[in-house]
């Protein structure tokens, strides 16, 4: 077999490597999307927490005025 033509085994190994790289790229893209979604949910939760704290403070103030 001439040296400039890769062996079938090498071609198959390269194909398998390409498949693994493609899978890794897809996984990274999915993880990035998951991260963006989790960050958005975390921001919503932080806003809800701040709103709840504000409402509690308002209620405490109202109770204090009644006392």
C-alpha atoms as a PDB file:
ATOM      1  CA  UNK A   1       0.000   0.000   0.000  1.00  0.00           C
ATOM      2  CA  UNK A   2       1.503   3.368  -0.962  1.00  0.00           C
ATOM      3  CA  UNK A   3       2.416   5.619   1.953  1.00  0.00           C
ATOM      4  CA  UNK A   4       0.267   8.554   0.771  1.00  0.00           C
ATOM      5  CA  UNK A   5      -2.948   6.492   0.995  1.00  0.00           C
ATOM      6  CA  UNK A   6      -4.180   6.013   4.597  1.00  0.00           C
ATOM      7  CA  UNK A   7      -4.990   2.515   5.733  1.00  0.00           C
ATOM      8  CA  UNK A   8      -8.652   1.544   6.136  1.00  0.00           C
ATOM      9  CA  UNK A   9      -8.063   1.224   9.882  1.00  0.00           C
ATOM     10  CA  UNK A  10      -6.742   4.784  10.074  1.00  0.00           C
ATOM     11  CA  UNK A  11      -9.676   6.058   8.029  1.00  0.00           C
ATOM     12  CA  UNK A  12     -12.091   4.298  10.408  1.00  0.00           C
ATOM     13  CA  UNK A  13     -10.322   5.658  13.479  1.00  0.00           C
ATOM     14  CA  UNK A  14     -10.525   9.168  12.036  1.00  0.00           C
ATOM     15  CA  UNK A  15     -14.241   8.706  11.278  1.00  0.00           C
ATOM     16  CA  UNK A  16     -14.869   7.576  14.855  1.00  0.00           C
ATOM     17  CA  UNK A  17     -12.898  10.558  16.140  1.00  0.00           C
ATOM     18  CA  UNK A  18     -15.024  12.896  14.011  1.00  0.00           C
ATOM     19  CA  UNK A  19     -18.188  11.334  15.418  1.00  0.00           C
ATOM     20  CA  UNK A  20     -16.944  11.836  18.991  1.00  0.00           C
ATOM     21  CA  UNK A  21     -15.994  15.439  18.279  1.00  0.00           C
ATOM     22  CA  UNK A  22     -19.439  16.092  16.767  1.00  0.00           C
ATOM     23  CA  UNK A  23     -21.084  14.553  19.836  1.00  0.00           C
ATOM     24  CA  UNK A  24     -18.934  16.704  22.134  1.00  0.00           C
ATOM     25  CA  UNK A  25     -19.855  19.848  20.189  1.00  0.00           C
ATOM     26  CA  UNK A  26     -23.575  18.989  20.442  1.00  0.00           C
ATOM     27  CA  UNK A  27     -23.234  18.307  24.168  1.00  0.00           C
ATOM     28  CA  UNK A  28     -21.458  21.615  24.743  1.00  0.00           C
ATOM     29  CA  UNK A  29     -24.181  23.472  22.840  1.00  0.00           C
ATOM     30  CA  UNK A  30     -26.869  21.744  24.923  1.00  0.00           C
ATOM     31  CA  UNK A  31     -25.044  22.526  28.162  1.00  0.00           C
ATOM     32  CA  UNK A  32     -24.741  26.187  27.159  1.00  0.00           C
ATOM     33  CA  UNK A  33     -28.486  26.303  26.454  1.00  0.00           C
ATOM     34  CA  UNK A  34     -29.236  24.617  29.780  1.00  0.00           C
ATOM     35  CA  UNK A  35     -27.010  27.141  31.537  1.00  0.00           C
ATOM     36  CA  UNK A  36     -28.827  30.077  29.918  1.00  0.00           C
ATOM     37  CA  UNK A  37     -32.187  28.632  30.967  1.00  0.00           C
ATOM     38  CA  UNK A  38     -31.020  28.028  34.535  1.00  0.00           C
ATOM     39  CA  UNK A  39     -29.592  31.536  34.768  1.00  0.00           C
ATOM     40  CA  UNK A  40     -32.935  32.950  33.605  1.00  0.00           C
ATOM     41  CA  UNK A  41     -34.806  30.868  36.180  1.00  0.00           C
ATOM     42  CA  UNK A  42     -32.370  31.971  38.878  1.00  0.00           C
ATOM     43  CA  UNK A  43     -32.942  35.619  37.968  1.00  0.00           C
ATOM     44  CA  UNK A  44     -36.719  35.102  38.121  1.00  0.00           C
ATOM     45  CA  UNK A  45     -36.365  33.471  41.534  1.00  0.00           C
ATOM     46  CA  UNK A  46     -34.205  36.342  42.787  1.00  0.00           C
ATOM     47  CA  UNK A  47     -36.805  38.847  41.605  1.00  0.00           C
ATOM     48  CA  UNK A  48     -39.612  36.864  43.256  1.00  0.00           C
ATOM     49  CA  UNK A  49     -37.609  36.716  46.488  1.00  0.00           C
ATOM     50  CA  UNK A  50     -36.994  40.470  46.417  1.00  0.00           C
ATOM     51  CA  UNK A  51     -40.692  41.121  45.804  1.00  0.00           C
ATOM     52  CA  UNK A  52     -41.660  38.807  48.675  1.00  0.00           C
ATOM     53  CA  UNK A  53     -39.203  40.558  50.993  1.00  0.00           C
ATOM     54  CA  UNK A  54     -40.625  43.936  49.955  1.00  0.00           C
ATOM     55  CA  UNK A  55     -44.185  42.767  50.659  1.00  0.00           C
ATOM     56  CA  UNK A  56     -43.179  41.363  54.049  1.00  0.00           C
ATOM     57  CA  UNK A  57     -41.511  44.660  54.937  1.00  0.00           C
ATOM     58  CA  UNK A  58     -44.683  46.518  53.947  1.00  0.00           C
ATOM     59  CA  UNK A  59     -46.803  44.212  56.096  1.00  0.00           C
ATOM     60  CA  UNK A  60     -44.464  44.669  59.057  1.00  0.00           C
ATOM     61  CA  UNK A  61     -44.678  48.434  58.627  1.00  0.00           C
ATOM     62  CA  UNK A  62     -48.500  48.262  58.588  1.00  0.00           C
ATOM     63  CA  UNK A  63     -48.524  46.092  61.710  1.00  0.00           C
ATOM     64  CA  UNK A  64     -46.149  48.499  63.444  1.00  0.00           C
ATOM     65  CA  UNK A  65     -48.492  51.406  62.705  1.00  0.00           C
ATOM     66  CA  UNK A  66     -51.364  49.471  64.273  1.00  0.00           C
ATOM     67  CA  UNK A  67     -49.469  48.884  67.509  1.00  0.00           C
END
